Amino acid sequence: MKQELKILLAEVEKKVGKSITLASDFEKLAMEFARHRVSLHPSALRKVWMHLADSGKPTPETLDKIALFVGFQSWKDFKEALHGEGDGQSNYEL
């Protein structure tokens, strides 16, 4: 899971155009998520980044919202696309 999470967070940083490292970055990132109608508290975002450093574990709901932010319907859809199990088409179906 950590390798997949690392890739997902890299996609977030790519989308916002900067590395997320400081406490103030999580505040700004939460506002960026809100602009895209995805509600995540800065502390939830921080917890996800800290999980890579072996402290804390993100909730499934948080992972789903982060995947949604980078263009996937869910964490599961992101992992399937990453591993070639899905073609991403479901991200565009109504």
N, C-alpha and C. Protein backbone atom coordinates (compact mmCIF):
# COMPACT_ATOMS: atom_id res chain seq x y z
N MET A 1 0.82 -1.19 0.00
CA MET A 1 0.00 0.00 0.00
C MET A 1 0.87 1.27 0.00
N LYS A 2 2.01 1.22 0.67
CA LYS A 2 2.81 2.45 0.76
C LYS A 2 3.32 2.91 -0.59
N GLN A 3 3.70 1.98 -1.45
CA GLN A 3 4.19 2.40 -2.77
C GLN A 3 3.06 3.05 -3.57
N GLU A 4 1.87 2.48 -3.49
CA GLU A 4 0.71 3.07 -4.18
C GLU A 4 0.39 4.44 -3.60
N LEU A 5 0.45 4.55 -2.29
CA LEU A 5 0.17 5.82 -1.64
C LEU A 5 1.21 6.88 -2.03
N LYS A 6 2.45 6.47 -2.11
CA LYS A 6 3.51 7.39 -2.52
C LYS A 6 3.25 7.94 -3.92
N ILE A 7 2.78 7.09 -4.81
CA ILE A 7 2.46 7.51 -6.18
C ILE A 7 1.26 8.46 -6.16
N LEU A 8 0.24 8.12 -5.37
CA LEU A 8 -0.94 8.99 -5.27
C LEU A 8 -0.57 10.38 -4.77
N LEU A 9 0.24 10.45 -3.73
CA LEU A 9 0.63 11.74 -3.18
C LEU A 9 1.51 12.51 -4.14
N ALA A 10 2.32 11.81 -4.91
CA ALA A 10 3.11 12.48 -5.95
C ALA A 10 2.19 13.10 -6.99
N GLU A 11 1.09 12.42 -7.31
CA GLU A 11 0.11 12.98 -8.26
C GLU A 11 -0.54 14.24 -7.69
N VAL A 12 -0.83 14.24 -6.39
CA VAL A 12 -1.39 15.43 -5.76
C VAL A 12 -0.40 16.58 -5.86
N GLU A 13 0.86 16.32 -5.51
CA GLU A 13 1.88 17.37 -5.56
C GLU A 13 2.09 17.87 -6.98
N LYS A 14 2.00 16.96 -7.94
CA LYS A 14 2.11 17.36 -9.36
C LYS A 14 0.93 18.27 -9.73
N LYS A 15 -0.26 17.90 -9.28
CA LYS A 15 -1.45 18.68 -9.62
C LYS A 15 -1.39 20.09 -9.02
N VAL A 16 -0.87 20.21 -7.79
CA VAL A 16 -0.82 21.53 -7.16
C VAL A 16 0.49 22.26 -7.46
N GLY A 17 1.44 21.57 -8.06
CA GLY A 17 2.67 22.20 -8.50
C GLY A 17 3.71 22.47 -7.43
N LYS A 18 3.65 21.72 -6.32
CA LYS A 18 4.67 21.88 -5.28
C LYS A 18 4.66 20.70 -4.33
N SER A 19 5.80 20.54 -3.64
CA SER A 19 5.90 19.51 -2.60
C SER A 19 5.15 19.97 -1.36
N ILE A 20 4.55 19.03 -0.69
CA ILE A 20 3.81 19.31 0.53
C ILE A 20 4.70 18.87 1.70
N THR A 21 5.21 19.84 2.44
CA THR A 21 6.14 19.51 3.53
C THR A 21 5.87 20.25 4.83
N LEU A 22 5.34 21.45 4.74
CA LEU A 22 5.14 22.28 5.93
C LEU A 22 3.70 22.22 6.41
N ALA A 23 3.49 22.55 7.68
CA ALA A 23 2.12 22.58 8.23
C ALA A 23 1.23 23.51 7.42
N SER A 24 1.76 24.64 7.00
CA SER A 24 0.96 25.58 6.22
C SER A 24 0.59 25.01 4.85
N ASP A 25 1.40 24.08 4.34
CA ASP A 25 1.08 23.44 3.06
C ASP A 25 -0.22 22.64 3.15
N PHE A 26 -0.45 22.01 4.31
CA PHE A 26 -1.67 21.21 4.46
C PHE A 26 -2.91 22.10 4.52
N GLU A 27 -2.77 23.28 5.11
CA GLU A 27 -3.88 24.25 5.13
C GLU A 27 -4.21 24.67 3.70
N LYS A 28 -3.18 25.01 2.94
CA LYS A 28 -3.38 25.44 1.55
C LYS A 28 -3.93 24.30 0.71
N LEU A 29 -3.42 23.09 0.94
CA LEU A 29 -3.90 21.94 0.18
C LEU A 29 -5.37 21.66 0.48
N ALA A 30 -5.77 21.78 1.73
CA ALA A 30 -7.18 21.58 2.09
C ALA A 30 -8.06 22.60 1.36
N MET A 31 -7.57 23.83 1.24
CA MET A 31 -8.32 24.85 0.50
C MET A 31 -8.39 24.51 -0.99
N GLU A 32 -7.31 23.96 -1.53
CA GLU A 32 -7.31 23.55 -2.93
C GLU A 32 -8.29 22.41 -3.16
N PHE A 33 -8.33 21.46 -2.25
CA PHE A 33 -9.31 20.37 -2.33
C PHE A 33 -10.72 20.96 -2.30
N ALA A 34 -10.97 21.91 -1.41
CA ALA A 34 -12.30 22.53 -1.28
C ALA A 34 -12.70 23.23 -2.58
N ARG A 35 -11.73 23.85 -3.26
CA ARG A 35 -12.03 24.48 -4.55
C ARG A 35 -12.55 23.45 -5.56
N HIS A 36 -12.16 22.20 -5.39
CA HIS A 36 -12.61 21.12 -6.27
C HIS A 36 -13.75 20.32 -5.64
N ARG A 37 -14.36 20.92 -4.62
CA ARG A 37 -15.52 20.33 -3.93
C ARG A 37 -15.20 18.99 -3.27
N VAL A 38 -13.99 18.88 -2.76
CA VAL A 38 -13.57 17.70 -1.99
C VAL A 38 -13.19 18.22 -0.61
N SER A 39 -13.94 17.81 0.40
CA SER A 39 -13.73 18.32 1.74
C SER A 39 -12.82 17.40 2.55
N LEU A 40 -11.63 17.91 2.89
CA LEU A 40 -10.70 17.18 3.75
C LEU A 40 -10.06 18.17 4.70
N HIS A 41 -10.01 17.81 5.95
CA HIS A 41 -9.40 18.66 6.96
C HIS A 41 -7.87 18.61 6.82
N PRO A 42 -7.18 19.71 7.06
CA PRO A 42 -5.71 19.70 6.96
C PRO A 42 -5.05 18.60 7.79
N SER A 43 -5.61 18.30 8.95
CA SER A 43 -5.02 17.25 9.79
C SER A 43 -5.15 15.87 9.15
N ALA A 44 -6.23 15.64 8.41
CA ALA A 44 -6.39 14.35 7.70
C ALA A 44 -5.35 14.24 6.59
N LEU A 45 -5.12 15.35 5.89
CA LEU A 45 -4.10 15.35 4.84
C LEU A 45 -2.72 15.11 5.43
N ARG A 46 -2.43 15.78 6.52
CA ARG A 46 -1.13 15.62 7.18
C ARG A 46 -0.93 14.16 7.60
N LYS A 47 -1.98 13.54 8.11
CA LYS A 47 -1.91 12.15 8.55
C LYS A 47 -1.51 11.23 7.39
N VAL A 48 -2.03 11.51 6.20
CA VAL A 48 -1.71 10.70 5.03
C VAL A 48 -0.22 10.83 4.70
N TRP A 49 0.26 12.07 4.65
CA TRP A 49 1.68 12.27 4.35
C TRP A 49 2.56 11.65 5.43
N MET A 50 2.13 11.73 6.69
CA MET A 50 2.91 11.17 7.79
C MET A 50 2.89 9.64 7.77
N HIS A 51 1.87 9.07 7.18
CA HIS A 51 1.81 7.61 7.09
C HIS A 51 3.01 7.06 6.34
N LEU A 52 3.49 7.81 5.36
CA LEU A 52 4.69 7.37 4.63
C LEU A 52 5.91 7.34 5.53
N ALA A 53 5.88 8.12 6.61
CA ALA A 53 6.99 8.13 7.57
C ALA A 53 6.67 7.20 8.75
N ASP A 54 5.76 6.26 8.55
CA ASP A 54 5.39 5.25 9.55
C ASP A 54 4.70 5.79 10.80
N SER A 55 3.94 6.85 10.67
CA SER A 55 3.17 7.30 11.83
C SER A 55 1.74 7.61 11.40
N GLY A 56 0.82 6.85 11.92
CA GLY A 56 -0.59 7.05 11.58
C GLY A 56 -0.98 6.31 10.32
N LYS A 57 -2.25 6.04 10.21
CA LYS A 57 -2.78 5.36 9.02
C LYS A 57 -4.00 6.12 8.53
N PRO A 58 -4.03 6.49 7.24
CA PRO A 58 -5.18 7.22 6.72
C PRO A 58 -6.42 6.34 6.65
N THR A 59 -7.58 6.97 6.78
CA THR A 59 -8.83 6.23 6.68
C THR A 59 -9.14 5.94 5.22
N PRO A 60 -9.95 4.93 4.95
CA PRO A 60 -10.37 4.66 3.57
C PRO A 60 -11.08 5.86 2.93
N GLU A 61 -11.86 6.59 3.73
CA GLU A 61 -12.56 7.77 3.20
C GLU A 61 -11.58 8.84 2.75
N THR A 62 -10.52 9.05 3.51
CA THR A 62 -9.50 10.03 3.14
C THR A 62 -8.81 9.62 1.85
N LEU A 63 -8.45 8.34 1.74
CA LEU A 63 -7.81 7.85 0.52
C LEU A 63 -8.72 8.01 -0.69
N ASP A 64 -10.01 7.75 -0.52
CA ASP A 64 -10.97 7.94 -1.61
C ASP A 64 -11.02 9.40 -2.06
N LYS A 65 -11.02 10.32 -1.11
CA LYS A 65 -11.10 11.74 -1.45
C LYS A 65 -9.84 12.22 -2.14
N ILE A 66 -8.69 11.73 -1.73
CA ILE A 66 -7.44 12.13 -2.39
C ILE A 66 -7.41 11.58 -3.81
N ALA A 67 -7.84 10.33 -3.98
CA ALA A 67 -7.91 9.75 -5.32
C ALA A 67 -8.88 10.54 -6.19
N LEU A 68 -9.99 10.96 -5.62
CA LEU A 68 -10.97 11.77 -6.35
C LEU A 68 -10.34 13.08 -6.82
N PHE A 69 -9.54 13.70 -5.96
CA PHE A 69 -8.88 14.96 -6.28
C PHE A 69 -7.98 14.85 -7.50
N VAL A 70 -7.34 13.69 -7.68
CA VAL A 70 -6.44 13.53 -8.83
C VAL A 70 -7.11 12.84 -10.02
N GLY A 71 -8.44 12.67 -9.96
CA GLY A 71 -9.17 12.22 -11.14
C GLY A 71 -9.70 10.81 -11.13
N PHE A 72 -9.71 10.16 -9.98
CA PHE A 72 -10.25 8.80 -9.90
C PHE A 72 -11.48 8.79 -9.00
N GLN A 73 -12.33 7.82 -9.20
CA GLN A 73 -13.56 7.74 -8.42
C GLN A 73 -13.31 7.27 -6.99
N SER A 74 -12.23 6.50 -6.78
CA SER A 74 -11.95 5.96 -5.45
C SER A 74 -10.49 5.50 -5.38
N TRP A 75 -10.05 5.20 -4.16
CA TRP A 75 -8.73 4.64 -3.92
C TRP A 75 -8.61 3.30 -4.66
N LYS A 76 -9.67 2.50 -4.63
CA LYS A 76 -9.68 1.21 -5.32
C LYS A 76 -9.49 1.41 -6.83
N ASP A 77 -10.19 2.37 -7.43
CA ASP A 77 -10.03 2.64 -8.86
C ASP A 77 -8.62 3.11 -9.19
N PHE A 78 -8.05 3.92 -8.30
CA PHE A 78 -6.67 4.38 -8.50
C PHE A 78 -5.71 3.19 -8.52
N LYS A 79 -5.86 2.29 -7.53
CA LYS A 79 -4.97 1.12 -7.46
C LYS A 79 -5.16 0.21 -8.67
N GLU A 80 -6.40 0.02 -9.11
CA GLU A 80 -6.64 -0.82 -10.28
C GLU A 80 -6.00 -0.22 -11.53
N ALA A 81 -6.11 1.07 -11.70
CA ALA A 81 -5.48 1.73 -12.85
C ALA A 81 -3.96 1.64 -12.76
N LEU A 82 -3.44 1.78 -11.57
CA LEU A 82 -2.00 1.72 -11.34
C LEU A 82 -1.44 0.35 -11.68
N HIS A 83 -2.21 -0.68 -11.39
CA HIS A 83 -1.75 -2.05 -11.62
C HIS A 83 -2.28 -2.65 -12.92
N GLY A 84 -2.88 -1.81 -13.75
CA GLY A 84 -3.33 -2.28 -15.05
C GLY A 84 -4.60 -3.11 -15.03
N GLU A 85 -5.31 -3.11 -13.92
CA GLU A 85 -6.53 -3.90 -13.82
C GLU A 85 -7.76 -3.16 -14.34
N GLY A 86 -7.63 -1.85 -14.52
CA GLY A 86 -8.73 -1.05 -15.03
C GLY A 86 -8.20 -0.10 -16.06
N ASP A 87 -9.05 0.35 -16.95
CA ASP A 87 -8.58 1.25 -18.00
C ASP A 87 -8.88 2.70 -17.70
N GLY A 88 -9.46 2.98 -16.55
CA GLY A 88 -9.77 4.35 -16.17
C GLY A 88 -11.07 4.86 -16.78
N GLN A 89 -11.68 4.10 -17.65
CA GLN A 89 -12.90 4.53 -18.31
C GLN A 89 -14.01 4.80 -17.30
N SER A 90 -14.05 4.02 -16.21
CA SER A 90 -15.11 4.22 -15.22
C SER A 90 -15.04 5.61 -14.60
N ASN A 91 -13.90 6.28 -14.71
CA ASN A 91 -13.79 7.63 -14.17
C ASN A 91 -14.61 8.63 -14.99
N TYR A 92 -15.02 8.24 -16.18
CA TYR A 92 -15.74 9.15 -17.05
C TYR A 92 -17.18 8.71 -17.30
N GLU A 93 -17.59 7.63 -16.67
CA GLU A 93 -18.95 7.14 -16.85
C GLU A 93 -19.87 7.83 -15.85
N LEU A 94 -21.08 8.07 -16.28
CA LEU A 94 -22.08 8.69 -15.40
C LEU A 94 -22.90 7.66 -14.69
